[in-house]
């Protein structure tokens, strides 16, 4: 099991393209990462095909 600490969830962002629009999504996510978010959850409520590289 992975060790998960509370600090990992200190600044948690939940967002998807319904919040930002597809054109702005990656720019907003990059700004949030630079601002110091510690955790990100991608939540998409609409089925879309997007070209976001993700590592599993």
PDB file of N, CA and C in Angstrom:
ATOM      1  N   UNK A   1       0.836  -1.187   0.000  1.00  0.00           N
ATOM      2  CA  UNK A   1       0.000   0.000   0.000  1.00  0.00           C
ATOM      3  C   UNK A   1       0.879   1.249   0.000  1.00  0.00           C
ATOM      4  N   UNK A   2       0.425   2.252  -0.689  1.00  0.00           N
ATOM      5  CA  UNK A   2       1.151   3.508  -0.794  1.00  0.00           C
ATOM      6  C   UNK A   2       0.953   4.352   0.450  1.00  0.00           C
ATOM      7  N   UNK A   3       2.026   4.987   0.896  1.00  0.00           N
ATOM      8  CA  UNK A   3       1.915   5.916   2.019  1.00  0.00           C
ATOM      9  C   UNK A   3       1.346   7.226   1.513  1.00  0.00           C
ATOM     10  N   UNK A   4       0.219   7.629   2.034  1.00  0.00           N
ATOM     11  CA  UNK A   4      -0.418   8.887   1.666  1.00  0.00           C
ATOM     12  C   UNK A   4      -0.478   9.749   2.908  1.00  0.00           C
ATOM     13  N   UNK A   5       0.085  10.935   2.808  1.00  0.00           N
ATOM     14  CA  UNK A   5       0.088  11.826   3.956  1.00  0.00           C
ATOM     15  C   UNK A   5      -0.926  12.949   3.754  1.00  0.00           C
ATOM     16  N   UNK A   6      -1.318  13.554   4.836  1.00  0.00           N
ATOM     17  CA  UNK A   6      -2.253  14.683   4.778  1.00  0.00           C
ATOM     18  C   UNK A   6      -1.681  15.852   3.984  1.00  0.00           C
ATOM     19  N   UNK A   7      -0.364  15.994   4.017  1.00  0.00           N
ATOM     20  CA  UNK A   7       0.274  17.088   3.296  1.00  0.00           C
ATOM     21  C   UNK A   7       0.030  16.998   1.790  1.00  0.00           C
ATOM     22  N   UNK A   8      -0.145  15.776   1.278  1.00  0.00           N
ATOM     23  CA  UNK A   8      -0.397  15.607  -0.148  1.00  0.00           C
ATOM     24  C   UNK A   8      -1.718  16.249  -0.564  1.00  0.00           C
ATOM     25  N   UNK A   9      -2.643  16.351   0.365  1.00  0.00           N
ATOM     26  CA  UNK A   9      -3.967  16.887   0.073  1.00  0.00           C
ATOM     27  C   UNK A   9      -4.156  18.305   0.607  1.00  0.00           C
ATOM     28  N   UNK A  10      -3.067  18.963   0.922  1.00  0.00           N
ATOM     29  CA  UNK A  10      -3.144  20.292   1.509  1.00  0.00           C
ATOM     30  C   UNK A  10      -3.812  21.298   0.573  1.00  0.00           C
ATOM     31  N   UNK A  11      -3.449  21.281  -0.697  1.00  0.00           N
ATOM     32  CA  UNK A  11      -4.052  22.175  -1.688  1.00  0.00           C
ATOM     33  C   UNK A  11      -4.523  21.310  -2.842  1.00  0.00           C
ATOM     34  N   UNK A  12      -5.795  20.953  -2.807  1.00  0.00           N
ATOM     35  CA  UNK A  12      -6.386  19.952  -3.687  1.00  0.00           C
ATOM     36  C   UNK A  12      -7.273  20.648  -4.710  1.00  0.00           C
ATOM     37  N   UNK A  13      -7.008  20.403  -5.994  1.00  0.00           N
ATOM     38  CA  UNK A  13      -7.811  20.990  -7.065  1.00  0.00           C
ATOM     39  C   UNK A  13      -8.577  19.893  -7.779  1.00  0.00           C
ATOM     40  N   UNK A  14      -9.886  20.073  -7.909  1.00  0.00           N
ATOM     41  CA  UNK A  14     -10.738  19.178  -8.684  1.00  0.00           C
ATOM     42  C   UNK A  14     -11.306  20.005  -9.822  1.00  0.00           C
ATOM     43  N   UNK A  15     -11.051  19.583 -11.045  1.00  0.00           N
ATOM     44  CA  UNK A  15     -11.531  20.362 -12.197  1.00  0.00           C
ATOM     45  C   UNK A  15     -11.604  19.492 -13.436  1.00  0.00           C
ATOM     46  N   UNK A  16     -12.332  19.999 -14.396  1.00  0.00           N
ATOM     47  CA  UNK A  16     -12.442  19.375 -15.712  1.00  0.00           C
ATOM     48  C   UNK A  16     -12.738  20.458 -16.721  1.00  0.00           C
ATOM     49  N   UNK A  17     -12.909  20.064 -17.961  1.00  0.00           N
ATOM     50  CA  UNK A  17     -13.126  21.055 -19.005  1.00  0.00           C
ATOM     51  C   UNK A  17     -14.458  21.776 -18.853  1.00  0.00           C
ATOM     52  N   UNK A  18     -15.392  21.200 -18.120  1.00  0.00           N
ATOM     53  CA  UNK A  18     -16.657  21.896 -17.888  1.00  0.00           C
ATOM     54  C   UNK A  18     -16.456  23.137 -17.020  1.00  0.00           C
ATOM     55  N   UNK A  19     -15.344  23.189 -16.277  1.00  0.00           N
ATOM     56  CA  UNK A  19     -15.028  24.346 -15.443  1.00  0.00           C
ATOM     57  C   UNK A  19     -14.281  25.434 -16.204  1.00  0.00           C
ATOM     58  N   UNK A  20     -13.508  25.036 -17.205  1.00  0.00           N
ATOM     59  CA  UNK A  20     -12.600  25.979 -17.847  1.00  0.00           C
ATOM     60  C   UNK A  20     -12.782  26.096 -19.349  1.00  0.00           C
ATOM     61  N   UNK A  21     -13.402  25.124 -19.949  1.00  0.00           N
ATOM     62  CA  UNK A  21     -13.395  25.024 -21.413  1.00  0.00           C
ATOM     63  C   UNK A  21     -12.136  24.288 -21.827  1.00  0.00           C
ATOM     64  N   UNK A  22     -12.199  23.549 -22.903  1.00  0.00           N
ATOM     65  CA  UNK A  22     -11.066  22.730 -23.326  1.00  0.00           C
ATOM     66  C   UNK A  22      -9.857  23.575 -23.691  1.00  0.00           C
ATOM     67  N   UNK A  23     -10.067  24.725 -24.299  1.00  0.00           N
ATOM     68  CA  UNK A  23      -8.947  25.550 -24.749  1.00  0.00           C
ATOM     69  C   UNK A  23      -8.099  26.071 -23.594  1.00  0.00           C
ATOM     70  N   UNK A  24      -8.696  26.362 -22.461  1.00  0.00           N
ATOM     71  CA  UNK A  24      -7.977  26.943 -21.330  1.00  0.00           C
ATOM     72  C   UNK A  24      -7.546  25.929 -20.278  1.00  0.00           C
ATOM     73  N   UNK A  25      -8.012  24.696 -20.376  1.00  0.00           N
ATOM     74  CA  UNK A  25      -7.815  23.722 -19.305  1.00  0.00           C
ATOM     75  C   UNK A  25      -6.341  23.525 -18.950  1.00  0.00           C
ATOM     76  N   UNK A  26      -5.510  23.211 -19.933  1.00  0.00           N
ATOM     77  CA  UNK A  26      -4.107  22.927 -19.628  1.00  0.00           C
ATOM     78  C   UNK A  26      -3.367  24.155 -19.119  1.00  0.00           C
ATOM     79  N   UNK A  27      -3.698  25.320 -19.632  1.00  0.00           N
ATOM     80  CA  UNK A  27      -3.067  26.553 -19.125  1.00  0.00           C
ATOM     81  C   UNK A  27      -3.433  26.799 -17.668  1.00  0.00           C
ATOM     82  N   UNK A  28      -4.683  26.596 -17.327  1.00  0.00           N
ATOM     83  CA  UNK A  28      -5.127  26.801 -15.945  1.00  0.00           C
ATOM     84  C   UNK A  28      -4.502  25.762 -15.024  1.00  0.00           C
ATOM     85  N   UNK A  29      -4.431  24.510 -15.479  1.00  0.00           N
ATOM     86  CA  UNK A  29      -3.790  23.474 -14.676  1.00  0.00           C
ATOM     87  C   UNK A  29      -2.312  23.804 -14.459  1.00  0.00           C
ATOM     88  N   UNK A  30      -1.628  24.252 -15.492  1.00  0.00           N
ATOM     89  CA  UNK A  30      -0.221  24.622 -15.346  1.00  0.00           C
ATOM     90  C   UNK A  30      -0.049  25.763 -14.342  1.00  0.00           C
ATOM     91  N   UNK A  31      -0.920  26.759 -14.399  1.00  0.00           N
ATOM     92  CA  UNK A  31      -0.856  27.865 -13.440  1.00  0.00           C
ATOM     93  C   UNK A  31      -1.086  27.367 -12.015  1.00  0.00           C
ATOM     94  N   UNK A  32      -2.029  26.445 -11.852  1.00  0.00           N
ATOM     95  CA  UNK A  32      -2.307  25.895 -10.522  1.00  0.00           C
ATOM     96  C   UNK A  32      -1.097  25.116 -10.001  1.00  0.00           C
ATOM     97  N   UNK A  33      -0.450  24.349 -10.857  1.00  0.00           N
ATOM     98  CA  UNK A  33       0.751  23.613 -10.448  1.00  0.00           C
ATOM     99  C   UNK A  33       1.866  24.568 -10.047  1.00  0.00           C
ATOM    100  N   UNK A  34       2.056  25.615 -10.817  1.00  0.00           N
ATOM    101  CA  UNK A  34       3.087  26.605 -10.489  1.00  0.00           C
ATOM    102  C   UNK A  34       2.757  27.349  -9.200  1.00  0.00           C
ATOM    103  N   UNK A  35       1.467  27.481  -8.892  1.00  0.00           N
ATOM    104  CA  UNK A  35       1.050  28.164  -7.671  1.00  0.00           C
ATOM    105  C   UNK A  35       1.163  27.262  -6.449  1.00  0.00           C
ATOM    106  N   UNK A  36       1.387  25.955  -6.668  1.00  0.00           N
ATOM    107  CA  UNK A  36       1.669  25.082  -5.538  1.00  0.00           C
ATOM    108  C   UNK A  36       0.605  24.074  -5.159  1.00  0.00           C
ATOM    109  N   UNK A  37      -0.329  23.735  -6.066  1.00  0.00           N
ATOM    110  CA  UNK A  37      -1.278  22.686  -5.685  1.00  0.00           C
ATOM    111  C   UNK A  37      -0.501  21.406  -5.415  1.00  0.00           C
ATOM    112  N   UNK A  38      -0.988  20.634  -4.476  1.00  0.00           N
ATOM    113  CA  UNK A  38      -0.297  19.409  -4.095  1.00  0.00           C
ATOM    114  C   UNK A  38      -1.005  18.162  -4.597  1.00  0.00           C
ATOM    115  N   UNK A  39      -2.246  18.331  -5.067  1.00  0.00           N
ATOM    116  CA  UNK A  39      -3.011  17.193  -5.561  1.00  0.00           C
ATOM    117  C   UNK A  39      -4.004  17.688  -6.605  1.00  0.00           C
ATOM    118  N   UNK A  40      -4.211  16.902  -7.659  1.00  0.00           N
ATOM    119  CA  UNK A  40      -5.149  17.271  -8.712  1.00  0.00           C
ATOM    120  C   UNK A  40      -6.014  16.076  -9.074  1.00  0.00           C
ATOM    121  N   UNK A  41      -7.313  16.298  -9.151  1.00  0.00           N
ATOM    122  CA  UNK A  41      -8.245  15.259  -9.597  1.00  0.00           C
ATOM    123  C   UNK A  41      -8.937  15.762 -10.854  1.00  0.00           C
ATOM    124  N   UNK A  42      -8.787  15.023 -11.950  1.00  0.00           N
ATOM    125  CA  UNK A  42      -9.452  15.361 -13.197  1.00  0.00           C
ATOM    126  C   UNK A  42     -10.855  14.779 -13.148  1.00  0.00           C
ATOM    127  N   UNK A  43     -11.850  15.628 -13.195  1.00  0.00           N
ATOM    128  CA  UNK A  43     -13.239  15.175 -13.153  1.00  0.00           C
ATOM    129  C   UNK A  43     -13.946  15.717 -14.378  1.00  0.00           C
ATOM    130  N   UNK A  44     -14.269  14.824 -15.271  1.00  0.00           N
ATOM    131  CA  UNK A  44     -14.927  15.198 -16.515  1.00  0.00           C
ATOM    132  C   UNK A  44     -16.351  14.659 -16.489  1.00  0.00           C
ATOM    133  N   UNK A  45     -17.309  15.549 -16.625  1.00  0.00           N
ATOM    134  CA  UNK A  45     -18.713  15.153 -16.575  1.00  0.00           C
ATOM    135  C   UNK A  45     -19.293  14.910 -17.958  1.00  0.00           C
ATOM    136  N   UNK A  46     -18.552  15.324 -18.974  1.00  0.00           N
ATOM    137  CA  UNK A  46     -18.995  15.141 -20.355  1.00  0.00           C
ATOM    138  C   UNK A  46     -17.973  14.262 -21.051  1.00  0.00           C
ATOM    139  N   UNK A  47     -18.433  13.275 -21.788  1.00  0.00           N
ATOM    140  CA  UNK A  47     -17.525  12.394 -22.511  1.00  0.00           C
ATOM    141  C   UNK A  47     -16.922  13.160 -23.676  1.00  0.00           C
ATOM    142  N   UNK A  48     -15.618  13.332 -23.629  1.00  0.00           N
ATOM    143  CA  UNK A  48     -14.902  14.019 -24.708  1.00  0.00           C
ATOM    144  C   UNK A  48     -13.645  13.220 -25.034  1.00  0.00           C
ATOM    145  N   UNK A  49     -13.180  13.405 -26.219  1.00  0.00           N
ATOM    146  CA  UNK A  49     -11.903  12.825 -26.607  1.00  0.00           C
ATOM    147  C   UNK A  49     -10.893  13.949 -26.502  1.00  0.00           C
ATOM    148  N   UNK A  50      -9.923  13.769 -25.624  1.00  0.00           N
ATOM    149  CA  UNK A  50      -8.936  14.831 -25.446  1.00  0.00           C
ATOM    150  C   UNK A  50      -7.546  14.243 -25.577  1.00  0.00           C
ATOM    151  N   UNK A  51      -6.621  15.074 -25.917  1.00  0.00           N
ATOM    152  CA  UNK A  51      -5.234  14.658 -26.122  1.00  0.00           C
ATOM    153  C   UNK A  51      -4.382  15.153 -24.967  1.00  0.00           C
ATOM    154  N   UNK A  52      -4.697  14.689 -23.776  1.00  0.00           N
ATOM    155  CA  UNK A  52      -3.932  15.045 -22.592  1.00  0.00           C
ATOM    156  C   UNK A  52      -3.083  13.835 -22.231  1.00  0.00           C
ATOM    157  N   UNK A  53      -1.774  13.945 -22.348  1.00  0.00           N
ATOM    158  CA  UNK A  53      -0.934  12.793 -21.993  1.00  0.00           C
ATOM    159  C   UNK A  53      -1.011  12.518 -20.503  1.00  0.00           C
ATOM    160  N   UNK A  54      -1.314  11.289 -20.154  1.00  0.00           N
ATOM    161  CA  UNK A  54      -1.422  10.908 -18.742  1.00  0.00           C
ATOM    162  C   UNK A  54      -0.578   9.674 -18.491  1.00  0.00           C
ATOM    163  N   UNK A  55       0.017   9.619 -17.344  1.00  0.00           N
ATOM    164  CA  UNK A  55       0.811   8.455 -16.948  1.00  0.00           C
ATOM    165  C   UNK A  55       0.008   7.629 -15.949  1.00  0.00           C
ATOM    166  N   UNK A  56       0.013   6.348 -16.151  1.00  0.00           N
ATOM    167  CA  UNK A  56      -0.698   5.442 -15.231  1.00  0.00           C
ATOM    168  C   UNK A  56       0.277   4.553 -14.529  1.00  0.00           C
TER     169      UNK A  56
END
